Amino acid sequence: MISTTQSGVGRKKINYEQTPARLREGTLAAIATVLREKESLADFIRDSVEKELNHRGAKRKPPEGGAE
């Protein structure tokens, strides 16, 4: 039997916005050398962007729907 209710299981949606980025040659290789165990390139980039936004004092609106 298939339930019509959502159980709340699964990942939290994090892909609210996407953008392609062009990086200098060698950047991805440099990032690969500093990734933590089980950390993805996407995780590294998201964390880096968040840290830089906080560093620069960016004020942002909360995402639509109230979820972060």
PDB file of N, CA and C in Angstrom:
ATOM      1  N   MET A   1       0.842  -1.173   0.000  1.00  0.00           N
ATOM      2  CA  MET A   1       0.000   0.000   0.000  1.00  0.00           C
ATOM      3  C   MET A   1       0.891   1.242   0.000  1.00  0.00           C
ATOM      4  N   ILE A   2       0.524   2.231  -0.785  1.00  0.00           N
ATOM      5  CA  ILE A   2       1.279   3.480  -0.881  1.00  0.00           C
ATOM      6  C   ILE A   2       0.528   4.567  -0.134  1.00  0.00           C
ATOM      7  N   SER A   3       1.221   5.230   0.769  1.00  0.00           N
ATOM      8  CA  SER A   3       0.611   6.287   1.574  1.00  0.00           C
ATOM      9  C   SER A   3       0.578   7.591   0.785  1.00  0.00           C
ATOM     10  N   THR A   4      -0.474   8.365   0.971  1.00  0.00           N
ATOM     11  CA  THR A   4      -0.578   9.666   0.316  1.00  0.00           C
ATOM     12  C   THR A   4      -0.057  10.788   1.199  1.00  0.00           C
ATOM     13  N   THR A   5       0.342  10.461   2.425  1.00  0.00           N
ATOM     14  CA  THR A   5       0.888  11.484   3.317  1.00  0.00           C
ATOM     15  C   THR A   5       2.404  11.475   3.226  1.00  0.00           C
ATOM     16  N   GLN A   6       2.996  12.622   3.447  1.00  0.00           N
ATOM     17  CA  GLN A   6       4.448  12.718   3.426  1.00  0.00           C
ATOM     18  C   GLN A   6       4.991  12.413   4.810  1.00  0.00           C
ATOM     19  N   SER A   7       6.021  11.592   4.855  1.00  0.00           N
ATOM     20  CA  SER A   7       6.560  11.172   6.139  1.00  0.00           C
ATOM     21  C   SER A   7       7.632  12.107   6.673  1.00  0.00           C
ATOM     22  N   GLY A   8       8.099  13.051   5.867  1.00  0.00           N
ATOM     23  CA  GLY A   8       9.150  13.949   6.317  1.00  0.00           C
ATOM     24  C   GLY A   8      10.528  13.322   6.244  1.00  0.00           C
ATOM     25  N   VAL A   9      10.625  12.195   5.593  1.00  0.00           N
ATOM     26  CA  VAL A   9      11.901  11.507   5.456  1.00  0.00           C
ATOM     27  C   VAL A   9      12.595  12.017   4.202  1.00  0.00           C
ATOM     28  N   GLY A  10      13.889  12.119   4.280  1.00  0.00           N
ATOM     29  CA  GLY A  10      14.652  12.544   3.116  1.00  0.00           C
ATOM     30  C   GLY A  10      15.454  13.787   3.409  1.00  0.00           C
ATOM     31  N   ARG A  11      16.123  14.263   2.389  1.00  0.00           N
ATOM     32  CA  ARG A  11      16.975  15.436   2.542  1.00  0.00           C
ATOM     33  C   ARG A  11      16.174  16.726   2.545  1.00  0.00           C
ATOM     34  N   LYS A  12      16.711  17.699   3.263  1.00  0.00           N
ATOM     35  CA  LYS A  12      16.159  19.045   3.236  1.00  0.00           C
ATOM     36  C   LYS A  12      16.534  19.659   1.885  1.00  0.00           C
ATOM     37  N   LYS A  13      15.613  20.348   1.254  1.00  0.00           N
ATOM     38  CA  LYS A  13      15.884  20.966  -0.038  1.00  0.00           C
ATOM     39  C   LYS A  13      16.914  22.073   0.132  1.00  0.00           C
ATOM     40  N   ILE A  14      18.008  21.981  -0.608  1.00  0.00           N
ATOM     41  CA  ILE A  14      19.049  22.998  -0.509  1.00  0.00           C
ATOM     42  C   ILE A  14      19.322  23.691  -1.839  1.00  0.00           C
ATOM     43  N   ASN A  15      18.778  23.168  -2.914  1.00  0.00           N
ATOM     44  CA  ASN A  15      19.067  23.725  -4.232  1.00  0.00           C
ATOM     45  C   ASN A  15      18.061  24.793  -4.624  1.00  0.00           C
ATOM     46  N   TYR A  16      18.016  25.861  -3.836  1.00  0.00           N
ATOM     47  CA  TYR A  16      17.077  26.929  -4.130  1.00  0.00           C
ATOM     48  C   TYR A  16      17.511  27.742  -5.344  1.00  0.00           C
ATOM     49  N   GLU A  17      18.795  27.973  -5.459  1.00  0.00           N
ATOM     50  CA  GLU A  17      19.311  28.749  -6.578  1.00  0.00           C
ATOM     51  C   GLU A  17      20.542  28.038  -7.135  1.00  0.00           C
ATOM     52  N   GLN A  18      20.705  28.145  -8.441  1.00  0.00           N
ATOM     53  CA  GLN A  18      21.864  27.543  -9.077  1.00  0.00           C
ATOM     54  C   GLN A  18      22.507  28.575  -9.989  1.00  0.00           C
ATOM     55  N   THR A  19      23.818  28.490 -10.122  1.00  0.00           N
ATOM     56  CA  THR A  19      24.539  29.359 -11.035  1.00  0.00           C
ATOM     57  C   THR A  19      25.806  28.663 -11.494  1.00  0.00           C
ATOM     58  N   PRO A  20      26.079  28.748 -12.777  1.00  0.00           N
ATOM     59  CA  PRO A  20      27.367  28.211 -13.233  1.00  0.00           C
ATOM     60  C   PRO A  20      28.473  29.198 -12.856  1.00  0.00           C
ATOM     61  N   ALA A  21      29.640  28.693 -12.622  1.00  0.00           N
ATOM     62  CA  ALA A  21      30.760  29.581 -12.289  1.00  0.00           C
ATOM     63  C   ALA A  21      31.989  29.152 -13.079  1.00  0.00           C
ATOM     64  N   ARG A  22      32.716  30.120 -13.569  1.00  0.00           N
ATOM     65  CA  ARG A  22      33.983  29.837 -14.247  1.00  0.00           C
ATOM     66  C   ARG A  22      35.100  30.135 -13.264  1.00  0.00           C
ATOM     67  N   LEU A  23      35.967  29.153 -13.082  1.00  0.00           N
ATOM     68  CA  LEU A  23      37.058  29.277 -12.127  1.00  0.00           C
ATOM     69  C   LEU A  23      38.386  29.254 -12.861  1.00  0.00           C
ATOM     70  N   ARG A  24      39.382  29.861 -12.255  1.00  0.00           N
ATOM     71  CA  ARG A  24      40.715  29.840 -12.851  1.00  0.00           C
ATOM     72  C   ARG A  24      41.204  28.403 -12.959  1.00  0.00           C
ATOM     73  N   GLU A  25      42.023  28.167 -13.960  1.00  0.00           N
ATOM     74  CA  GLU A  25      42.604  26.836 -14.159  1.00  0.00           C
ATOM     75  C   GLU A  25      43.345  26.411 -12.895  1.00  0.00           C
ATOM     76  N   GLY A  26      43.108  25.205 -12.466  1.00  0.00           N
ATOM     77  CA  GLY A  26      43.766  24.667 -11.282  1.00  0.00           C
ATOM     78  C   GLY A  26      42.987  24.836  -9.987  1.00  0.00           C
ATOM     79  N   THR A  27      41.907  25.634 -10.027  1.00  0.00           N
ATOM     80  CA  THR A  27      41.131  25.873  -8.810  1.00  0.00           C
ATOM     81  C   THR A  27      40.482  24.598  -8.288  1.00  0.00           C
ATOM     82  N   LEU A  28      39.856  23.829  -9.168  1.00  0.00           N
ATOM     83  CA  LEU A  28      39.191  22.605  -8.725  1.00  0.00           C
ATOM     84  C   LEU A  28      40.196  21.600  -8.164  1.00  0.00           C
ATOM     85  N   ALA A  29      41.374  21.527  -8.764  1.00  0.00           N
ATOM     86  CA  ALA A  29      42.411  20.628  -8.250  1.00  0.00           C
ATOM     87  C   ALA A  29      42.871  21.088  -6.865  1.00  0.00           C
ATOM     88  N   ALA A  30      42.992  22.387  -6.667  1.00  0.00           N
ATOM     89  CA  ALA A  30      43.404  22.920  -5.360  1.00  0.00           C
ATOM     90  C   ALA A  30      42.338  22.628  -4.307  1.00  0.00           C
ATOM     91  N   ILE A  31      41.082  22.781  -4.677  1.00  0.00           N
ATOM     92  CA  ILE A  31      39.992  22.489  -3.740  1.00  0.00           C
ATOM     93  C   ILE A  31      40.022  21.004  -3.374  1.00  0.00           C
ATOM     94  N   ALA A  32      40.216  20.158  -4.358  1.00  0.00           N
ATOM     95  CA  ALA A  32      40.229  18.712  -4.113  1.00  0.00           C
ATOM     96  C   ALA A  32      41.279  18.324  -3.074  1.00  0.00           C
ATOM     97  N   THR A  33      42.369  19.077  -2.994  1.00  0.00           N
ATOM     98  CA  THR A  33      43.432  18.739  -2.038  1.00  0.00           C
ATOM     99  C   THR A  33      43.071  19.113  -0.602  1.00  0.00           C
ATOM    100  N   VAL A  34      42.060  19.961  -0.420  1.00  0.00           N
ATOM    101  CA  VAL A  34      41.708  20.402   0.937  1.00  0.00           C
ATOM    102  C   VAL A  34      40.330  19.929   1.400  1.00  0.00           C
ATOM    103  N   LEU A  35      39.631  19.170   0.570  1.00  0.00           N
ATOM    104  CA  LEU A  35      38.319  18.661   0.969  1.00  0.00           C
ATOM    105  C   LEU A  35      38.464  17.737   2.169  1.00  0.00           C
ATOM    106  N   ARG A  36      37.525  17.860   3.097  1.00  0.00           N
ATOM    107  CA  ARG A  36      37.491  16.969   4.258  1.00  0.00           C
ATOM    108  C   ARG A  36      36.914  15.621   3.837  1.00  0.00           C
ATOM    109  N   GLU A  37      37.079  14.639   4.693  1.00  0.00           N
ATOM    110  CA  GLU A  37      36.544  13.311   4.398  1.00  0.00           C
ATOM    111  C   GLU A  37      35.035  13.405   4.196  1.00  0.00           C
ATOM    112  N   LYS A  38      34.555  12.845   3.111  1.00  0.00           N
ATOM    113  CA  LYS A  38      33.128  12.801   2.738  1.00  0.00           C
ATOM    114  C   LYS A  38      32.544  14.172   2.408  1.00  0.00           C
ATOM    115  N   GLU A  39      33.373  15.206   2.252  1.00  0.00           N
ATOM    116  CA  GLU A  39      32.890  16.530   1.854  1.00  0.00           C
ATOM    117  C   GLU A  39      32.898  16.603   0.333  1.00  0.00           C
ATOM    118  N   SER A  40      31.807  17.065  -0.246  1.00  0.00           N
ATOM    119  CA  SER A  40      31.731  17.198  -1.696  1.00  0.00           C
ATOM    120  C   SER A  40      32.209  18.581  -2.130  1.00  0.00           C
ATOM    121  N   LEU A  41      32.490  18.699  -3.408  1.00  0.00           N
ATOM    122  CA  LEU A  41      32.855  19.993  -3.972  1.00  0.00           C
ATOM    123  C   LEU A  41      31.737  21.002  -3.736  1.00  0.00           C
ATOM    124  N   ALA A  42      30.492  20.567  -3.924  1.00  0.00           N
ATOM    125  CA  ALA A  42      29.346  21.463  -3.711  1.00  0.00           C
ATOM    126  C   ALA A  42      29.275  21.931  -2.262  1.00  0.00           C
ATOM    127  N   ASP A  43      29.524  21.021  -1.308  1.00  0.00           N
ATOM    128  CA  ASP A  43      29.540  21.408   0.109  1.00  0.00           C
ATOM    129  C   ASP A  43      30.594  22.475   0.358  1.00  0.00           C
ATOM    130  N   PHE A  44      31.781  22.265  -0.186  1.00  0.00           N
ATOM    131  CA  PHE A  44      32.878  23.213  -0.009  1.00  0.00           C
ATOM    132  C   PHE A  44      32.509  24.588  -0.561  1.00  0.00           C
ATOM    133  N   ILE A  45      31.941  24.605  -1.756  1.00  0.00           N
ATOM    134  CA  ILE A  45      31.582  25.877  -2.390  1.00  0.00           C
ATOM    135  C   ILE A  45      30.481  26.573  -1.601  1.00  0.00           C
ATOM    136  N   ARG A  46      29.442  25.826  -1.176  1.00  0.00           N
ATOM    137  CA  ARG A  46      28.366  26.443  -0.382  1.00  0.00           C
ATOM    138  C   ARG A  46      28.909  27.040   0.907  1.00  0.00           C
ATOM    139  N   ASP A  47      29.752  26.271   1.621  1.00  0.00           N
ATOM    140  CA  ASP A  47      30.329  26.763   2.878  1.00  0.00           C
ATOM    141  C   ASP A  47      31.187  27.998   2.643  1.00  0.00           C
ATOM    142  N   SER A  48      31.977  27.974   1.579  1.00  0.00           N
ATOM    143  CA  SER A  48      32.852  29.109   1.277  1.00  0.00           C
ATOM    144  C   SER A  48      32.063  30.368   0.965  1.00  0.00           C
ATOM    145  N   VAL A  49      30.984  30.221   0.208  1.00  0.00           N
ATOM    146  CA  VAL A  49      30.146  31.378  -0.132  1.00  0.00           C
ATOM    147  C   VAL A  49      29.481  31.926   1.131  1.00  0.00           C
ATOM    148  N   GLU A  50      28.946  31.044   1.974  1.00  0.00           N
ATOM    149  CA  GLU A  50      28.321  31.494   3.224  1.00  0.00           C
ATOM    150  C   GLU A  50      29.313  32.247   4.102  1.00  0.00           C
ATOM    151  N   LYS A  51      30.528  31.722   4.241  1.00  0.00           N
ATOM    152  CA  LYS A  51      31.549  32.381   5.056  1.00  0.00           C
ATOM    153  C   LYS A  51      31.896  33.757   4.501  1.00  0.00           C
ATOM    154  N   GLU A  52      32.020  33.865   3.187  1.00  0.00           N
ATOM    155  CA  GLU A  52      32.359  35.161   2.584  1.00  0.00           C
ATOM    156  C   GLU A  52      31.208  36.150   2.729  1.00  0.00           C
ATOM    157  N   LEU A  53      29.971  35.692   2.584  1.00  0.00           N
ATOM    158  CA  LEU A  53      28.822  36.582   2.789  1.00  0.00           C
ATOM    159  C   LEU A  53      28.784  37.094   4.223  1.00  0.00           C
ATOM    160  N   ASN A  54      29.011  36.210   5.187  1.00  0.00           N
ATOM    161  CA  ASN A  54      29.058  36.631   6.587  1.00  0.00           C
ATOM    162  C   ASN A  54      30.206  37.598   6.826  1.00  0.00           C
ATOM    163  N   HIS A  55      31.348  37.319   6.229  1.00  0.00           N
ATOM    164  CA  HIS A  55      32.525  38.176   6.377  1.00  0.00           C
ATOM    165  C   HIS A  55      32.246  39.596   5.855  1.00  0.00           C
ATOM    166  N   ARG A  56      31.519  39.667   4.763  1.00  0.00           N
ATOM    167  CA  ARG A  56      31.219  40.972   4.162  1.00  0.00           C
ATOM    168  C   ARG A  56      29.977  41.615   4.770  1.00  0.00           C
ATOM    169  N   GLY A  57      29.333  40.937   5.688  1.00  0.00           N
ATOM    170  CA  GLY A  57      28.174  41.508   6.368  1.00  0.00           C
ATOM    171  C   GLY A  57      26.929  41.559   5.518  1.00  0.00           C
ATOM    172  N   ALA A  58      26.762  40.587   4.644  1.00  0.00           N
ATOM    173  CA  ALA A  58      25.599  40.567   3.745  1.00  0.00           C
ATOM    174  C   ALA A  58      24.310  40.374   4.518  1.00  0.00           C
ATOM    175  N   LYS A  59      23.312  41.125   4.165  1.00  0.00           N
ATOM    176  CA  LYS A  59      21.972  40.977   4.727  1.00  0.00           C
ATOM    177  C   LYS A  59      21.116  40.318   3.658  1.00  0.00           C
ATOM    178  N   ARG A  60      20.512  39.184   4.012  1.00  0.00           N
ATOM    179  CA  ARG A  60      19.706  38.455   3.026  1.00  0.00           C
ATOM    180  C   ARG A  60      18.328  38.175   3.566  1.00  0.00           C
ATOM    181  N   LYS A  61      17.367  38.105   2.648  1.00  0.00           N
ATOM    182  CA  LYS A  61      16.006  37.723   3.016  1.00  0.00           C
ATOM    183  C   LYS A  61      15.996  36.216   3.244  1.00  0.00           C
ATOM    184  N   PRO A  62      15.159  35.727   4.173  1.00  0.00           N
ATOM    185  CA  PRO A  62      15.034  34.276   4.331  1.00  0.00           C
ATOM    186  C   PRO A  62      14.432  33.667   3.070  1.00  0.00           C
ATOM    187  N   PRO A  63      14.747  32.413   2.780  1.00  0.00           N
ATOM    188  CA  PRO A  63      14.192  31.775   1.587  1.00  0.00           C
ATOM    189  C   PRO A  63      12.674  31.689   1.677  1.00  0.00           C
ATOM    190  N   GLU A  64      12.025  31.685   0.518  1.00  0.00           N
ATOM    191  CA  GLU A  64      10.572  31.559   0.476  1.00  0.00           C
ATOM    192  C   GLU A  64      10.157  30.230   1.064  1.00  0.00           C
ATOM    193  N   GLY A  65       9.046  30.189   1.747  1.00  0.00           N
ATOM    194  CA  GLY A  65       8.560  28.956   2.354  1.00  0.00           C
ATOM    195  C   GLY A  65       9.067  28.765   3.764  1.00  0.00           C
ATOM    196  N   GLY A  66       9.962  29.647   4.217  1.00  0.00           N
ATOM    197  CA  GLY A  66      10.428  29.607   5.577  1.00  0.00           C
ATOM    198  C   GLY A  66      11.507  28.576   5.864  1.00  0.00           C
ATOM    199  N   ALA A  67      11.755  27.646   4.960  1.00  0.00           N
ATOM    200  CA  ALA A  67      12.799  26.633   5.189  1.00  0.00           C
ATOM    201  C   ALA A  67      14.134  27.164   4.735  1.00  0.00           C
ATOM    202  N   GLU A  68      15.165  26.730   5.437  1.00  0.00           N
ATOM    203  CA  GLU A  68      16.509  27.176   5.060  1.00  0.00           C
ATOM    204  C   GLU A  68      17.272  26.077   4.447  1.00  0.00           C
TER     205      GLU A  68
END
